[in-house]
Structure formats: C-alpha cells, structure tokens
Amino acid sequence: MSSRDYIVDELPDTEEITVWQGPPPDICPELGKSGEFRMTMYRGIGQKQNHALFVSDPGDYGRGEYWTDWPQAAEIYAKVGGQVMVREIRLKNALHLPVEEVLSLARDVYHTTVVESGSAARLKGSTQLTADMVAKGYDGIVVCGYETPGEWSACLFDPQNSRDP
C-alpha cells in the first residue's frame, strides 16, 4: 500500500441499492475510445481462504487490480476480516468500453466468466486478455454498469503505474 492509499474505517450504512449514482469520473475517455482516466475509487481486499486459488475470481476483464466508485461494493469484496482502500486512480491510456462489449470479451472471446471451464482456464483467458490489451497500449479497462447500473469500475493492468507521480 502506498502513502496515497488509505484504509476506510467505516462506510455509511445504505439500504439495498439497485442503481448506484456516484459522481462522474474527473477525466474519462469517450465511450469506445481510450485516453486518460482519473477518479477516486475504492478497492475491497479480502482474505484468501486456504482452499481458494483467488480471493474472488481470476478477473472478468483482465488480470490486475479491480476498483469501484461505490464504497459498499468494495466492502462486499473485503468480506469479513478484509479492508477497503480508497485512492485516486490515474490511468494514462484506459480503454472505456460499454458493458455489452466487456461482457462479450469476458464470455465469448476470453471465457473469463465461464465458471464451468474451471479456474485455470479462466485465469488463462484473463491473462491473455490483459496481454492483448497491454500489447495495444492500454493500461486498464474502465466500464460503467458492469456489476451494478451506474457503478464505475476499473481493472488496472499495472497498479504501480496508476498512482500519482
């Protein structure tokens, strides 16, 4: 954890939210384009169980750190005994994709969400997706509404390069 990351001690209680409407990103490329992305986001860090290969999953749209603008979503990933971190995410060349395209990449092209194929196959697909995106010059993928309508999420392919200089 860098000096710019910090742990969130308490998150506000909320009723069940079906649509999240947080503030928009400070800087974001147009939908379907790539460019600079900057936004304050949250990350839930859970504790890996002894029998699990991953804390949550191999990564639907790439290998890397996943961040959200919705604190309560991060809390879900932190689970019991985990922690929620917050920081300003800065990507130089993020690919901003619509939900439908992310779903197609994950399900149809790289098979990262096909649970029946097993964790190893999903990891292979996620790793290949990241390699392909990095080869094209992208440092992450950002999407709005992937898990919850209105929720921004980002996969940072190289988390160390997404911090303030």
N, C-alpha and C. Protein backbone atom coordinates (compact mmCIF):
# COMPACT_ATOMS: atom_id res chain seq x y z
N MET A 1 0.85 -1.17 0.00
CA MET A 1 0.00 0.00 0.00
C MET A 1 0.90 1.23 0.00
N SER A 2 0.64 2.19 -0.90
CA SER A 2 1.45 3.39 -0.98
C SER A 2 0.93 4.43 0.02
N SER A 3 1.68 5.51 0.13
CA SER A 3 1.26 6.58 1.04
C SER A 3 0.01 7.27 0.54
N ARG A 4 -0.35 7.09 -0.73
CA ARG A 4 -1.55 7.71 -1.29
C ARG A 4 -2.79 6.83 -1.09
N ASP A 5 -2.61 5.56 -0.74
CA ASP A 5 -3.72 4.68 -0.45
C ASP A 5 -4.06 4.84 1.03
N TYR A 6 -5.29 4.69 1.38
CA TYR A 6 -5.61 4.64 2.79
C TYR A 6 -6.81 3.74 3.02
N ILE A 7 -6.86 3.22 4.24
CA ILE A 7 -7.91 2.29 4.63
C ILE A 7 -9.13 3.07 5.09
N VAL A 8 -10.29 2.62 4.67
CA VAL A 8 -11.54 3.22 5.10
C VAL A 8 -12.01 2.46 6.34
N ASP A 9 -12.16 3.18 7.45
CA ASP A 9 -12.56 2.53 8.70
C ASP A 9 -14.05 2.21 8.73
N GLU A 10 -14.87 3.16 8.35
CA GLU A 10 -16.31 2.94 8.38
C GLU A 10 -16.93 3.47 7.11
N LEU A 11 -17.86 2.72 6.58
CA LEU A 11 -18.62 3.15 5.41
C LEU A 11 -20.04 3.46 5.87
N PRO A 12 -20.66 4.44 5.23
CA PRO A 12 -22.04 4.77 5.65
C PRO A 12 -22.99 3.61 5.37
N ASP A 13 -23.96 3.44 6.28
CA ASP A 13 -24.98 2.42 6.06
C ASP A 13 -25.88 2.86 4.91
N THR A 14 -26.26 1.91 4.08
CA THR A 14 -27.18 2.22 3.00
C THR A 14 -28.22 1.13 2.92
N GLU A 15 -29.39 1.49 2.42
CA GLU A 15 -30.38 0.47 2.14
C GLU A 15 -29.92 -0.25 0.88
N GLU A 16 -30.57 -1.33 0.53
CA GLU A 16 -30.21 -2.05 -0.69
C GLU A 16 -30.33 -1.10 -1.88
N ILE A 17 -29.25 -0.98 -2.62
CA ILE A 17 -29.21 -0.07 -3.76
C ILE A 17 -29.19 -0.90 -5.04
N THR A 18 -30.09 -0.61 -5.95
CA THR A 18 -30.09 -1.33 -7.22
C THR A 18 -29.46 -0.51 -8.33
N VAL A 19 -29.38 0.79 -8.13
CA VAL A 19 -28.70 1.67 -9.08
C VAL A 19 -27.82 2.61 -8.27
N TRP A 20 -26.55 2.62 -8.57
CA TRP A 20 -25.61 3.49 -7.87
C TRP A 20 -25.41 4.73 -8.72
N GLN A 21 -25.47 5.89 -8.13
CA GLN A 21 -25.24 7.12 -8.87
C GLN A 21 -24.24 7.97 -8.11
N GLY A 22 -22.98 7.65 -8.26
CA GLY A 22 -21.94 8.45 -7.65
C GLY A 22 -21.53 9.57 -8.58
N PRO A 23 -20.55 10.34 -8.18
CA PRO A 23 -20.08 11.42 -9.05
C PRO A 23 -19.40 10.85 -10.29
N PRO A 24 -19.43 11.58 -11.39
CA PRO A 24 -18.76 11.08 -12.60
C PRO A 24 -17.24 11.14 -12.43
N PRO A 25 -16.52 10.41 -13.27
CA PRO A 25 -15.05 10.50 -13.22
C PRO A 25 -14.59 11.93 -13.48
N ASP A 26 -13.44 12.29 -12.90
CA ASP A 26 -12.87 13.61 -13.14
C ASP A 26 -12.48 13.74 -14.61
N ILE A 27 -11.86 12.70 -15.13
CA ILE A 27 -11.43 12.66 -16.53
C ILE A 27 -11.72 11.26 -17.04
N CYS A 28 -12.35 11.16 -18.22
CA CYS A 28 -12.69 9.85 -18.77
C CYS A 28 -12.73 9.94 -20.30
N PRO A 29 -12.15 8.95 -20.98
CA PRO A 29 -12.27 8.96 -22.44
C PRO A 29 -13.71 8.70 -22.87
N GLU A 30 -14.05 9.10 -24.07
CA GLU A 30 -15.38 8.83 -24.61
C GLU A 30 -15.61 7.32 -24.66
N LEU A 31 -16.86 6.93 -24.60
CA LEU A 31 -17.23 5.52 -24.69
C LEU A 31 -16.70 4.94 -26.01
N GLY A 32 -16.01 3.80 -25.90
CA GLY A 32 -15.44 3.14 -27.08
C GLY A 32 -14.06 3.65 -27.46
N LYS A 33 -13.55 4.63 -26.72
CA LYS A 33 -12.24 5.22 -27.01
C LYS A 33 -11.30 4.99 -25.84
N SER A 34 -10.05 5.37 -26.04
CA SER A 34 -9.08 5.26 -24.96
C SER A 34 -8.49 6.63 -24.67
N GLY A 35 -7.97 6.78 -23.46
CA GLY A 35 -7.36 8.04 -23.06
C GLY A 35 -7.21 8.10 -21.56
N GLU A 36 -6.96 9.28 -21.07
CA GLU A 36 -6.72 9.48 -19.64
C GLU A 36 -8.00 9.24 -18.84
N PHE A 37 -7.83 8.61 -17.68
CA PHE A 37 -8.94 8.35 -16.77
C PHE A 37 -8.46 8.72 -15.38
N ARG A 38 -9.30 9.47 -14.65
CA ARG A 38 -8.96 9.82 -13.27
C ARG A 38 -10.24 9.86 -12.44
N MET A 39 -10.20 9.15 -11.31
CA MET A 39 -11.39 9.09 -10.45
C MET A 39 -10.99 8.56 -9.07
N THR A 40 -11.64 9.06 -8.03
CA THR A 40 -11.47 8.49 -6.69
C THR A 40 -12.27 7.19 -6.65
N MET A 41 -11.59 6.10 -6.27
CA MET A 41 -12.22 4.78 -6.30
C MET A 41 -11.85 3.99 -5.04
N TYR A 42 -12.55 2.87 -4.86
CA TYR A 42 -12.40 2.02 -3.68
C TYR A 42 -12.05 0.60 -4.12
N ARG A 43 -11.33 -0.10 -3.23
CA ARG A 43 -10.97 -1.49 -3.50
C ARG A 43 -11.12 -2.30 -2.23
N GLY A 44 -11.88 -3.38 -2.33
CA GLY A 44 -12.04 -4.28 -1.20
C GLY A 44 -11.00 -5.38 -1.29
N ILE A 45 -10.27 -5.57 -0.20
CA ILE A 45 -9.24 -6.60 -0.14
C ILE A 45 -9.71 -7.65 0.86
N GLY A 46 -10.04 -8.83 0.36
CA GLY A 46 -10.49 -9.91 1.23
C GLY A 46 -9.33 -10.80 1.64
N GLN A 47 -9.61 -11.70 2.54
CA GLN A 47 -8.61 -12.68 2.95
C GLN A 47 -8.81 -13.95 2.15
N LYS A 48 -7.74 -14.42 1.53
CA LYS A 48 -7.81 -15.64 0.74
C LYS A 48 -8.02 -16.84 1.66
N GLN A 49 -8.97 -17.67 1.29
CA GLN A 49 -9.23 -18.89 2.06
C GLN A 49 -8.21 -19.95 1.66
N ASN A 50 -7.91 -20.86 2.55
CA ASN A 50 -6.89 -21.88 2.30
C ASN A 50 -7.16 -22.70 1.04
N HIS A 51 -8.40 -23.00 0.74
CA HIS A 51 -8.75 -23.85 -0.39
C HIS A 51 -8.94 -23.08 -1.69
N ALA A 52 -8.91 -21.75 -1.64
CA ALA A 52 -9.22 -20.95 -2.83
C ALA A 52 -7.96 -20.58 -3.60
N LEU A 53 -8.07 -20.57 -4.93
CA LEU A 53 -6.98 -20.09 -5.77
C LEU A 53 -6.91 -18.57 -5.75
N PHE A 54 -8.05 -17.92 -5.63
CA PHE A 54 -8.14 -16.48 -5.69
C PHE A 54 -9.00 -15.98 -4.54
N VAL A 55 -8.80 -14.72 -4.18
CA VAL A 55 -9.66 -14.11 -3.17
C VAL A 55 -11.09 -14.03 -3.69
N SER A 56 -11.25 -13.59 -4.95
CA SER A 56 -12.61 -13.52 -5.51
C SER A 56 -12.70 -14.33 -6.80
N ASP A 57 -12.06 -13.90 -7.87
CA ASP A 57 -12.08 -14.64 -9.13
C ASP A 57 -10.85 -14.25 -9.95
N PRO A 58 -10.59 -14.93 -11.07
CA PRO A 58 -9.40 -14.64 -11.86
C PRO A 58 -9.41 -13.28 -12.55
N GLY A 59 -10.54 -12.64 -12.66
CA GLY A 59 -10.63 -11.33 -13.30
C GLY A 59 -11.44 -11.38 -14.57
N ASP A 60 -12.66 -10.87 -14.54
CA ASP A 60 -13.55 -10.94 -15.70
C ASP A 60 -12.98 -10.21 -16.91
N TYR A 61 -12.45 -9.02 -16.70
CA TYR A 61 -11.93 -8.28 -17.86
C TYR A 61 -10.47 -7.89 -17.67
N GLY A 62 -9.69 -8.88 -17.20
CA GLY A 62 -8.25 -8.73 -17.14
C GLY A 62 -7.66 -9.09 -15.80
N ARG A 63 -6.36 -9.36 -15.82
CA ARG A 63 -5.60 -9.60 -14.59
C ARG A 63 -5.11 -8.26 -14.10
N GLY A 64 -5.38 -7.96 -12.87
CA GLY A 64 -4.96 -6.69 -12.30
C GLY A 64 -5.78 -6.37 -11.08
N GLU A 65 -5.68 -5.15 -10.64
CA GLU A 65 -6.47 -4.69 -9.50
C GLU A 65 -7.79 -4.13 -10.00
N TYR A 66 -8.86 -4.50 -9.31
CA TYR A 66 -10.20 -4.00 -9.63
C TYR A 66 -10.60 -2.96 -8.60
N TRP A 67 -11.09 -1.82 -9.09
CA TRP A 67 -11.51 -0.71 -8.26
C TRP A 67 -12.92 -0.30 -8.66
N THR A 68 -13.66 0.29 -7.73
CA THR A 68 -15.04 0.73 -7.97
C THR A 68 -15.24 2.12 -7.36
N ASP A 69 -16.22 2.84 -7.89
CA ASP A 69 -16.54 4.13 -7.28
C ASP A 69 -17.58 3.97 -6.17
N TRP A 70 -18.06 2.77 -5.94
CA TRP A 70 -19.10 2.51 -4.95
C TRP A 70 -18.49 1.86 -3.71
N PRO A 71 -18.36 2.60 -2.62
CA PRO A 71 -17.72 2.07 -1.41
C PRO A 71 -18.34 0.77 -0.91
N GLN A 72 -19.68 0.66 -0.98
CA GLN A 72 -20.33 -0.54 -0.47
C GLN A 72 -20.00 -1.77 -1.32
N ALA A 73 -19.76 -1.60 -2.60
CA ALA A 73 -19.34 -2.73 -3.44
C ALA A 73 -17.96 -3.20 -3.02
N ALA A 74 -17.08 -2.26 -2.72
CA ALA A 74 -15.74 -2.63 -2.24
C ALA A 74 -15.84 -3.37 -0.92
N GLU A 75 -16.77 -2.95 -0.08
CA GLU A 75 -16.96 -3.61 1.22
C GLU A 75 -17.37 -5.07 1.04
N ILE A 76 -18.17 -5.35 0.02
CA ILE A 76 -18.59 -6.73 -0.26
C ILE A 76 -17.36 -7.59 -0.58
N TYR A 77 -16.44 -7.05 -1.38
CA TYR A 77 -15.22 -7.80 -1.72
C TYR A 77 -14.27 -7.93 -0.54
N ALA A 78 -14.31 -6.97 0.37
CA ALA A 78 -13.44 -7.05 1.55
C ALA A 78 -13.87 -8.19 2.47
N LYS A 79 -15.17 -8.51 2.47
CA LYS A 79 -15.72 -9.58 3.29
C LYS A 79 -15.31 -9.39 4.75
N VAL A 80 -15.55 -10.38 5.56
CA VAL A 80 -15.21 -10.31 6.98
C VAL A 80 -13.69 -10.40 7.13
N GLY A 81 -13.12 -9.48 7.87
CA GLY A 81 -11.69 -9.51 8.13
C GLY A 81 -10.84 -8.83 7.08
N GLY A 82 -11.45 -8.33 6.01
CA GLY A 82 -10.70 -7.64 4.97
C GLY A 82 -10.67 -6.14 5.23
N GLN A 83 -10.29 -5.41 4.21
CA GLN A 83 -10.23 -3.96 4.35
C GLN A 83 -10.64 -3.29 3.04
N VAL A 84 -11.07 -2.05 3.15
CA VAL A 84 -11.43 -1.24 2.00
C VAL A 84 -10.41 -0.12 1.89
N MET A 85 -9.82 0.01 0.71
CA MET A 85 -8.86 1.08 0.45
C MET A 85 -9.52 2.09 -0.49
N VAL A 86 -9.06 3.33 -0.43
CA VAL A 86 -9.54 4.37 -1.34
C VAL A 86 -8.34 5.15 -1.86
N ARG A 87 -8.38 5.52 -3.13
CA ARG A 87 -7.32 6.36 -3.69
C ARG A 87 -7.80 6.93 -5.02
N GLU A 88 -7.10 7.93 -5.49
CA GLU A 88 -7.40 8.47 -6.81
C GLU A 88 -6.68 7.60 -7.83
N ILE A 89 -7.46 7.03 -8.73
CA ILE A 89 -6.93 6.19 -9.79
C ILE A 89 -6.59 7.09 -10.97
N ARG A 90 -5.40 6.92 -11.51
CA ARG A 90 -4.96 7.68 -12.68
C ARG A 90 -4.42 6.70 -13.72
N LEU A 91 -5.11 6.63 -14.84
CA LEU A 91 -4.65 5.82 -15.95
C LEU A 91 -4.33 6.73 -17.12
N LYS A 92 -3.25 6.45 -17.82
CA LYS A 92 -2.84 7.29 -18.95
C LYS A 92 -3.56 6.92 -20.23
N ASN A 93 -3.85 5.63 -20.41
CA ASN A 93 -4.50 5.18 -21.65
C ASN A 93 -5.50 4.06 -21.35
N ALA A 94 -6.54 4.43 -20.63
CA ALA A 94 -7.60 3.47 -20.28
C ALA A 94 -8.53 3.28 -21.47
N LEU A 95 -8.98 2.06 -21.66
CA LEU A 95 -9.98 1.76 -22.69
C LEU A 95 -11.35 1.79 -22.02
N HIS A 96 -12.21 2.69 -22.47
CA HIS A 96 -13.56 2.85 -21.90
C HIS A 96 -14.53 2.07 -22.78
N LEU A 97 -14.99 0.94 -22.27
CA LEU A 97 -15.86 0.06 -23.05
C LEU A 97 -17.29 0.05 -22.52
N PRO A 98 -18.27 -0.13 -23.42
CA PRO A 98 -19.64 -0.33 -22.96
C PRO A 98 -19.78 -1.72 -22.32
N VAL A 99 -20.75 -1.85 -21.45
CA VAL A 99 -20.97 -3.12 -20.74
C VAL A 99 -21.09 -4.29 -21.72
N GLU A 100 -21.84 -4.11 -22.79
CA GLU A 100 -22.06 -5.21 -23.75
C GLU A 100 -20.75 -5.72 -24.33
N GLU A 101 -19.82 -4.82 -24.60
CA GLU A 101 -18.53 -5.23 -25.16
C GLU A 101 -17.67 -5.94 -24.13
N VAL A 102 -17.70 -5.46 -22.88
CA VAL A 102 -16.96 -6.14 -21.81
C VAL A 102 -17.52 -7.55 -21.62
N LEU A 103 -18.85 -7.66 -21.60
CA LEU A 103 -19.47 -8.98 -21.46
C LEU A 103 -19.08 -9.91 -22.59
N SER A 104 -19.04 -9.41 -23.81
CA SER A 104 -18.66 -10.22 -24.96
C SER A 104 -17.21 -10.68 -24.86
N LEU A 105 -16.31 -9.76 -24.49
CA LEU A 105 -14.90 -10.14 -24.31
C LEU A 105 -14.77 -11.22 -23.23
N ALA A 106 -15.44 -11.00 -22.11
CA ALA A 106 -15.33 -11.92 -20.97
C ALA A 106 -15.94 -13.28 -21.26
N ARG A 107 -17.11 -13.30 -21.86
CA ARG A 107 -17.85 -14.54 -22.06
C ARG A 107 -17.46 -15.25 -23.37
N ASP A 108 -17.46 -14.51 -24.47
CA ASP A 108 -17.35 -15.13 -25.79
C ASP A 108 -15.92 -15.24 -26.33
N VAL A 109 -15.07 -14.27 -26.00
CA VAL A 109 -13.73 -14.25 -26.59
C VAL A 109 -12.70 -14.90 -25.67
N TYR A 110 -12.64 -14.46 -24.40
CA TYR A 110 -11.61 -14.94 -23.48
C TYR A 110 -12.12 -15.95 -22.46
N HIS A 111 -13.42 -16.13 -22.37
CA HIS A 111 -14.06 -17.13 -21.50
C HIS A 111 -13.69 -16.96 -20.02
N THR A 112 -13.55 -15.73 -19.59
CA THR A 112 -13.17 -15.48 -18.20
C THR A 112 -14.33 -15.63 -17.23
N THR A 113 -15.56 -15.64 -17.75
CA THR A 113 -16.72 -15.75 -16.87
C THR A 113 -17.43 -17.10 -17.01
N VAL A 114 -16.83 -18.01 -17.76
CA VAL A 114 -17.43 -19.34 -17.96
C VAL A 114 -16.96 -20.22 -16.80
N VAL A 115 -17.74 -20.23 -15.73
CA VAL A 115 -17.35 -20.93 -14.50
C VAL A 115 -17.11 -22.42 -14.74
N GLU A 116 -17.90 -23.00 -15.64
CA GLU A 116 -17.79 -24.44 -15.91
C GLU A 116 -16.42 -24.83 -16.48
N SER A 117 -15.72 -23.87 -17.06
CA SER A 117 -14.41 -24.20 -17.64
C SER A 117 -13.32 -24.32 -16.57
N GLY A 118 -13.60 -23.91 -15.36
CA GLY A 118 -12.66 -24.05 -14.25
C GLY A 118 -11.76 -22.83 -14.08
N SER A 119 -11.19 -22.72 -12.89
CA SER A 119 -10.36 -21.56 -12.54
C SER A 119 -9.12 -21.42 -13.40
N ALA A 120 -8.47 -22.54 -13.73
CA ALA A 120 -7.24 -22.47 -14.53
C ALA A 120 -7.52 -21.91 -15.92
N ALA A 121 -8.59 -22.36 -16.55
CA ALA A 121 -8.95 -21.86 -17.88
C ALA A 121 -9.37 -20.40 -17.81
N ARG A 122 -10.09 -20.03 -16.77
CA ARG A 122 -10.49 -18.64 -16.61
C ARG A 122 -9.28 -17.75 -16.39
N LEU A 123 -8.32 -18.22 -15.60
CA LEU A 123 -7.09 -17.48 -15.37
C LEU A 123 -6.31 -17.31 -16.67
N LYS A 124 -6.23 -18.36 -17.47
CA LYS A 124 -5.53 -18.30 -18.75
C LYS A 124 -6.19 -17.24 -19.66
N GLY A 125 -7.52 -17.25 -19.73
CA GLY A 125 -8.23 -16.27 -20.55
C GLY A 125 -8.02 -14.85 -20.06
N SER A 126 -8.08 -14.66 -18.75
CA SER A 126 -7.89 -13.34 -18.16
C SER A 126 -6.48 -12.82 -18.41
N THR A 127 -5.51 -13.71 -18.27
CA THR A 127 -4.11 -13.35 -18.52
C THR A 127 -3.90 -12.97 -19.98
N GLN A 128 -4.52 -13.72 -20.90
CA GLN A 128 -4.39 -13.43 -22.32
C GLN A 128 -5.08 -12.11 -22.69
N LEU A 129 -6.24 -11.87 -22.10
CA LEU A 129 -6.96 -10.61 -22.34
C LEU A 129 -6.06 -9.44 -21.95
N THR A 130 -5.44 -9.52 -20.77
CA THR A 130 -4.55 -8.46 -20.31
C THR A 130 -3.37 -8.29 -21.25
N ALA A 131 -2.74 -9.40 -21.64
CA ALA A 131 -1.59 -9.32 -22.55
C ALA A 131 -1.98 -8.66 -23.86
N ASP A 132 -3.13 -9.01 -24.38
CA ASP A 132 -3.59 -8.42 -25.64
C ASP A 132 -3.85 -6.92 -25.49
N MET A 133 -4.45 -6.50 -24.38
CA MET A 133 -4.74 -5.09 -24.17
C MET A 133 -3.46 -4.29 -23.94
N VAL A 134 -2.54 -4.83 -23.17
CA VAL A 134 -1.26 -4.16 -22.92
C VAL A 134 -0.48 -4.03 -24.23
N ALA A 135 -0.52 -5.07 -25.08
CA ALA A 135 0.17 -5.01 -26.38
C ALA A 135 -0.40 -3.89 -27.26
N LYS A 136 -1.65 -3.53 -27.04
CA LYS A 136 -2.29 -2.44 -27.79
C LYS A 136 -2.06 -1.08 -27.13
N GLY A 137 -1.36 -1.08 -26.00
CA GLY A 137 -1.02 0.17 -25.34
C GLY A 137 -1.94 0.62 -24.23
N TYR A 138 -2.92 -0.20 -23.84
CA TYR A 138 -3.85 0.17 -22.79
C TYR A 138 -3.27 -0.18 -21.42
N ASP A 139 -3.53 0.67 -20.43
CA ASP A 139 -3.08 0.37 -19.07
C ASP A 139 -4.23 -0.03 -18.16
N GLY A 140 -5.43 -0.14 -18.71
CA GLY A 140 -6.58 -0.60 -17.95
C GLY A 140 -7.85 -0.51 -18.77
N ILE A 141 -8.90 -1.09 -18.22
CA ILE A 141 -10.23 -1.01 -18.83
C ILE A 141 -11.15 -0.38 -17.80
N VAL A 142 -11.96 0.58 -18.25
CA VAL A 142 -12.97 1.19 -17.38
C VAL A 142 -14.34 0.96 -18.01
N VAL A 143 -15.32 0.74 -17.14
CA VAL A 143 -16.68 0.46 -17.60
C VAL A 143 -17.66 1.00 -16.57
N CYS A 144 -18.80 1.45 -17.04
CA CYS A 144 -19.86 1.90 -16.14
C CYS A 144 -21.04 0.95 -16.26
N GLY A 145 -21.41 0.34 -15.13
CA GLY A 145 -22.59 -0.52 -15.10
C GLY A 145 -22.33 -2.00 -15.27
N TYR A 146 -21.10 -2.44 -15.12
CA TYR A 146 -20.80 -3.86 -15.31
C TYR A 146 -21.47 -4.73 -14.25
N GLU A 147 -21.32 -4.37 -12.99
CA GLU A 147 -21.92 -5.17 -11.92
C GLU A 147 -23.22 -4.56 -11.40
N THR A 148 -23.29 -3.24 -11.35
CA THR A 148 -24.47 -2.53 -10.87
C THR A 148 -24.70 -1.33 -11.78
N PRO A 149 -25.92 -1.09 -12.22
CA PRO A 149 -26.17 0.07 -13.07
C PRO A 149 -25.66 1.36 -12.40
N GLY A 150 -24.90 2.14 -13.16
CA GLY A 150 -24.37 3.40 -12.65
C GLY A 150 -23.04 3.29 -11.94
N GLU A 151 -22.57 2.09 -11.64
CA GLU A 151 -21.31 1.89 -10.91
C GLU A 151 -20.13 1.87 -11.88
N TRP A 152 -19.15 2.72 -11.62
CA TRP A 152 -17.92 2.72 -12.40
C TRP A 152 -16.97 1.68 -11.81
N SER A 153 -16.31 0.92 -12.68
CA SER A 153 -15.27 0.00 -12.22
C SER A 153 -14.10 0.07 -13.18
N ALA A 154 -12.94 -0.28 -12.67
CA ALA A 154 -11.72 -0.24 -13.46
C ALA A 154 -10.85 -1.43 -13.13
N CYS A 155 -10.25 -2.01 -14.16
CA CYS A 155 -9.21 -3.03 -13.97
C CYS A 155 -7.89 -2.38 -14.36
N LEU A 156 -6.98 -2.29 -13.40
CA LEU A 156 -5.67 -1.68 -13.62
C LEU A 156 -4.68 -2.78 -13.93
N PHE A 157 -4.15 -2.80 -15.15
CA PHE A 157 -3.24 -3.86 -15.55
C PHE A 157 -1.89 -3.75 -14.84
N ASP A 158 -1.44 -2.54 -14.54
CA ASP A 158 -0.18 -2.32 -13.83
C ASP A 158 -0.46 -1.32 -12.70
N PRO A 159 -0.93 -1.82 -11.56
CA PRO A 159 -1.37 -0.92 -10.48
C PRO A 159 -0.31 0.08 -10.03
N GLN A 160 0.97 -0.27 -10.10
CA GLN A 160 2.03 0.63 -9.66
C GLN A 160 2.10 1.90 -10.51
N ASN A 161 1.71 1.79 -11.78
CA ASN A 161 1.76 2.95 -12.68
C ASN A 161 0.48 3.77 -12.67
N SER A 162 -0.45 3.45 -11.79
CA SER A 162 -1.73 4.19 -11.75
C SER A 162 -1.79 5.16 -10.59
N ARG A 163 -0.67 5.36 -9.94
CA ARG A 163 -0.63 6.26 -8.79
C ARG A 163 -0.13 7.63 -9.22
N ASP A 164 -0.35 8.61 -8.33
CA ASP A 164 0.19 9.94 -8.58
C ASP A 164 1.71 9.86 -8.62
N PRO A 165 2.34 10.70 -9.46
CA PRO A 165 3.81 10.69 -9.52
C PRO A 165 4.42 11.18 -8.24
